[in-house]
């Protein structure tokens, strides 16, 4: 029985030794080889949450204070703003030789200034991204669109915020009546693509999602949009 066990163990030891390239080694009856299973790749690339508590909860987002062990063994406190995600609408009138982009101008308290922005908004609970995009375009500008295409998806500021944004290209625009919320005062205007690109590059447009959408349109060939 002992000889049979030792023979099986030696064969297993050789297979593992060969796989790791450790070369020939003499094994004895009391050798112990521990093989630790590797965690799944998705888990090895994520932090292990040791504890989490809600530090703030508001109508639009909440904040959690997490104690985590990140890949590489780093333990840290991370305060994270939790958000349901947002959509952005790159509404384009392409009936002319040069496309025109529909842009909004509204006051942003956090930036302490008026901003040029693409229409955008939060995804409501149970709402799809596309449904949110159509709703926001109508509410903020009064326009509807016949053709929709998702073109970009990104994190807004992943250092402390889990919000993602998806930009939808909207074409075949039809004008209608805007339905803004009570605390929204929005002006809209179409800019030729060349003008919008210049505004994005010279600092007149300072909103990241808007810069992303404008530059995507500027560098994407018309036939592939």
Protein backbone atom coordinates (compact mmCIF):
# COMPACT_ATOMS: atom_id res chain seq x y z
CA UNK A 1 0.00 0.00 0.00
CA UNK A 2 2.83 2.39 0.94
CA UNK A 3 4.76 1.58 -2.26
CA UNK A 4 1.66 2.17 -4.38
CA UNK A 5 0.99 5.52 -2.68
CA UNK A 6 4.61 6.59 -3.10
CA UNK A 7 4.59 5.67 -6.81
CA UNK A 8 1.42 7.73 -7.43
CA UNK A 9 2.80 10.68 -5.47
CA UNK A 10 6.11 10.60 -7.39
CA UNK A 11 4.32 10.65 -10.73
CA UNK A 12 2.25 13.65 -9.64
CA UNK A 13 5.36 15.38 -8.31
CA UNK A 14 7.18 14.88 -11.63
CA UNK A 15 4.27 16.33 -13.63
CA UNK A 16 4.13 19.45 -11.51
CA UNK A 17 7.94 19.73 -11.45
CA UNK A 18 8.09 19.49 -15.24
CA UNK A 19 5.30 22.02 -15.66
CA UNK A 20 7.14 24.55 -13.51
CA UNK A 21 10.52 23.76 -15.13
CA UNK A 22 12.29 23.04 -11.87
CA UNK A 23 14.34 20.20 -13.34
CA UNK A 24 14.99 16.71 -11.92
CA UNK A 25 14.66 16.44 -8.18
CA UNK A 26 14.86 13.49 -5.85
CA UNK A 27 11.59 12.87 -4.05
CA UNK A 28 11.23 10.96 -0.85
CA UNK A 29 8.28 9.24 0.78
CA UNK A 30 7.74 12.20 3.10
CA UNK A 31 7.93 15.00 0.50
CA UNK A 32 4.90 17.32 0.64
CA UNK A 33 3.95 19.41 -2.38
CA UNK A 34 1.15 21.94 -1.92
CA UNK A 35 -0.48 23.25 -5.09
CA UNK A 36 -2.61 26.36 -4.44
CA UNK A 37 -5.32 26.94 -7.04
CA UNK A 38 -5.15 30.27 -8.83
CA UNK A 39 -8.17 32.51 -8.25
CA UNK A 40 -10.32 33.26 -11.32
CA UNK A 41 -8.82 36.00 -13.47
CA UNK A 42 -11.78 38.33 -12.90
CA UNK A 43 -11.32 38.04 -9.12
CA UNK A 44 -7.55 38.53 -9.19
CA UNK A 45 -8.08 41.85 -10.99
CA UNK A 46 -10.61 43.16 -8.46
CA UNK A 47 -10.36 44.42 -4.92
CA UNK A 48 -11.62 42.37 -2.00
CA UNK A 49 -14.08 44.49 -0.02
CA UNK A 50 -13.38 44.02 3.68
CA UNK A 51 -16.14 46.37 4.85
CA UNK A 52 -18.49 48.96 3.36
CA UNK A 53 -20.88 51.53 4.78
CA UNK A 54 -23.08 54.25 3.29
CA UNK A 55 -21.62 57.60 4.35
CA UNK A 56 -24.12 59.78 2.45
CA UNK A 57 -27.33 59.16 0.53
CA UNK A 58 -28.97 61.76 -1.71
CA UNK A 59 -31.63 61.77 -4.44
CA UNK A 60 -29.12 61.40 -7.31
CA UNK A 61 -26.16 59.49 -5.83
CA UNK A 62 -24.80 58.01 -2.61
CA UNK A 63 -21.31 57.68 -1.15
CA UNK A 64 -19.81 54.55 0.38
CA UNK A 65 -16.72 54.29 2.57
CA UNK A 66 -15.01 51.01 1.74
CA UNK A 67 -12.09 49.23 3.36
CA UNK A 68 -10.53 47.15 0.59
CA UNK A 69 -7.61 44.93 -0.29
CA UNK A 70 -6.65 45.75 -3.86
CA UNK A 71 -4.67 43.60 -6.32
CA UNK A 72 -1.07 43.50 -5.16
CA UNK A 73 -2.07 43.32 -1.50
CA UNK A 74 -2.62 47.03 -0.94
CA UNK A 75 -5.11 47.73 1.86
CA UNK A 76 -6.77 51.14 1.79
CA UNK A 77 -9.86 53.18 2.53
CA UNK A 78 -11.75 54.20 -0.60
CA UNK A 79 -14.63 56.69 -0.59
CA UNK A 80 -16.70 56.07 -3.72
CA UNK A 81 -19.54 58.09 -5.22
CA UNK A 82 -22.15 55.59 -6.45
CA UNK A 83 -24.23 56.63 -9.46
CA UNK A 84 -26.68 54.77 -11.68
CA UNK A 85 -24.97 55.91 -14.89
CA UNK A 86 -25.75 58.49 -17.55
CA UNK A 87 -26.33 58.84 -21.26
CA UNK A 88 -25.17 61.57 -23.64
CA UNK A 89 -26.74 62.46 -26.99
CA UNK A 90 -24.64 63.57 -29.93
CA UNK A 91 -27.51 64.92 -32.04
CA UNK A 92 -26.34 65.65 -35.59
CA UNK A 93 -28.06 67.37 -38.49
CA UNK A 94 -26.26 65.86 -41.47
CA UNK A 95 -28.47 67.14 -44.28
CA UNK A 96 -25.79 69.63 -45.32
CA UNK A 97 -22.26 69.13 -46.63
CA UNK A 98 -20.90 69.90 -43.15
CA UNK A 99 -22.73 68.26 -40.23
CA UNK A 100 -24.11 70.45 -37.46
CA UNK A 101 -24.13 69.46 -33.79
CA UNK A 102 -26.92 70.32 -31.35
CA UNK A 103 -25.41 71.81 -28.18
CA UNK A 104 -26.96 73.19 -25.00
CA UNK A 105 -25.89 76.10 -22.83
CA UNK A 106 -26.80 76.08 -19.16
CA UNK A 107 -25.44 77.24 -15.81
CA UNK A 108 -23.50 74.67 -13.75
CA UNK A 109 -23.11 75.56 -10.09
CA UNK A 110 -20.21 73.13 -9.53
CA UNK A 111 -18.23 74.86 -12.31
CA UNK A 112 -19.47 78.33 -11.31
CA UNK A 113 -20.12 79.19 -14.96
CA UNK A 114 -22.28 78.62 -18.03
CA UNK A 115 -21.22 75.56 -20.02
CA UNK A 116 -21.64 74.33 -23.58
CA UNK A 117 -22.71 70.68 -23.38
CA UNK A 118 -24.29 67.86 -25.32
CA UNK A 119 -27.73 66.83 -24.03
CA UNK A 120 -27.28 64.31 -21.22
CA UNK A 121 -28.93 62.87 -18.15
CA UNK A 122 -29.16 60.12 -15.59
CA UNK A 123 -30.56 56.67 -16.38
CA UNK A 124 -33.65 56.13 -14.25
CA UNK A 125 -34.23 52.88 -12.37
CA UNK A 126 -35.50 50.18 -14.74
CA UNK A 127 -34.80 52.33 -17.81
CA UNK A 128 -32.61 51.22 -20.72
CA UNK A 129 -29.80 53.41 -21.99
CA UNK A 130 -31.50 54.03 -25.32
CA UNK A 131 -34.82 54.92 -23.70
CA UNK A 132 -33.00 57.37 -21.41
CA UNK A 133 -31.23 58.94 -24.40
CA UNK A 134 -34.50 59.46 -26.29
CA UNK A 135 -36.18 60.89 -23.18
CA UNK A 136 -33.38 63.33 -22.40
CA UNK A 137 -33.12 64.60 -25.98
CA UNK A 138 -36.86 65.32 -26.05
CA UNK A 139 -37.04 66.84 -22.57
CA UNK A 140 -34.03 69.13 -22.92
CA UNK A 141 -34.24 70.14 -26.60
CA UNK A 142 -37.65 69.13 -27.99
CA UNK A 143 -36.00 67.07 -30.72
CA UNK A 144 -36.60 63.44 -31.61
CA UNK A 145 -34.43 61.29 -33.87
CA UNK A 146 -35.04 58.44 -36.32
CA UNK A 147 -31.57 56.85 -36.22
CA UNK A 148 -29.68 55.93 -33.06
CA UNK A 149 -26.24 54.37 -32.56
CA UNK A 150 -24.14 53.83 -29.42
CA UNK A 151 -20.64 55.14 -30.15
CA UNK A 152 -18.75 55.49 -26.84
CA UNK A 153 -18.86 54.11 -23.28
CA UNK A 154 -16.49 55.28 -20.54
CA UNK A 155 -15.95 56.00 -16.84
CA UNK A 156 -16.32 59.66 -15.93
CA UNK A 157 -13.75 59.85 -13.11
CA UNK A 158 -12.85 56.36 -11.84
CA UNK A 159 -10.58 57.62 -9.06
CA UNK A 160 -13.63 58.17 -6.83
CA UNK A 161 -16.77 57.83 -8.98
CA UNK A 162 -18.31 54.65 -10.43
CA UNK A 163 -20.54 56.51 -12.92
CA UNK A 164 -20.28 55.46 -16.56
CA UNK A 165 -21.51 57.39 -19.58
CA UNK A 166 -22.67 56.12 -22.95
CA UNK A 167 -22.76 58.49 -25.91
CA UNK A 168 -25.43 57.88 -28.55
CA UNK A 169 -25.27 59.33 -32.05
CA UNK A 170 -28.73 60.59 -33.04
CA UNK A 171 -29.60 61.44 -36.64
CA UNK A 172 -32.74 62.17 -38.63
CA UNK A 173 -33.76 64.95 -36.26
CA UNK A 174 -37.29 66.31 -35.97
CA UNK A 175 -38.01 69.51 -34.02
CA UNK A 176 -40.62 69.60 -31.29
CA UNK A 177 -41.34 71.24 -27.94
CA UNK A 178 -38.86 70.87 -25.09
CA UNK A 179 -40.04 69.60 -21.71
CA UNK A 180 -37.35 70.74 -19.23
CA UNK A 181 -37.54 70.04 -15.52
CA UNK A 182 -38.43 72.88 -13.16
CA UNK A 183 -34.82 73.59 -12.19
CA UNK A 184 -33.50 73.54 -15.78
CA UNK A 185 -33.04 76.63 -17.94
CA UNK A 186 -31.50 75.46 -21.19
CA UNK A 187 -30.69 77.27 -24.44
CA UNK A 188 -29.91 75.23 -27.56
CA UNK A 189 -27.92 75.96 -30.69
CA UNK A 190 -26.52 74.12 -33.71
CA UNK A 191 -22.79 74.50 -34.43
CA UNK A 192 -21.03 73.34 -37.62
CA UNK A 193 -18.67 70.49 -36.86
CA UNK A 194 -15.57 72.55 -37.69
CA UNK A 195 -16.65 75.27 -35.26
CA UNK A 196 -17.53 72.78 -32.52
CA UNK A 197 -14.15 71.08 -32.92
CA UNK A 198 -12.36 74.41 -32.63
CA UNK A 199 -14.37 75.22 -29.48
CA UNK A 200 -13.37 71.86 -27.97
CA UNK A 201 -9.68 72.38 -28.71
CA UNK A 202 -9.38 76.02 -27.67
CA UNK A 203 -11.08 75.62 -24.30
CA UNK A 204 -14.42 77.23 -25.07
CA UNK A 205 -16.02 73.82 -24.50
CA UNK A 206 -14.80 72.56 -21.12
CA UNK A 207 -17.11 69.60 -20.55
CA UNK A 208 -15.40 66.23 -20.97
CA UNK A 209 -18.34 64.26 -22.38
CA UNK A 210 -18.98 66.99 -24.95
CA UNK A 211 -15.33 67.14 -26.00
CA UNK A 212 -15.35 63.34 -26.40
CA UNK A 213 -18.43 63.37 -28.60
CA UNK A 214 -17.26 66.26 -30.79
CA UNK A 215 -13.81 64.76 -31.38
CA UNK A 216 -15.30 61.33 -32.12
CA UNK A 217 -17.47 62.87 -34.84
CA UNK A 218 -14.60 64.93 -36.23
CA UNK A 219 -12.28 61.93 -36.67
CA UNK A 220 -14.84 59.36 -37.84
CA UNK A 221 -15.37 59.12 -41.61
CA UNK A 222 -18.92 60.01 -42.60
CA UNK A 223 -19.54 56.71 -44.36
CA UNK A 224 -18.76 54.70 -41.20
CA UNK A 225 -20.87 56.65 -38.70
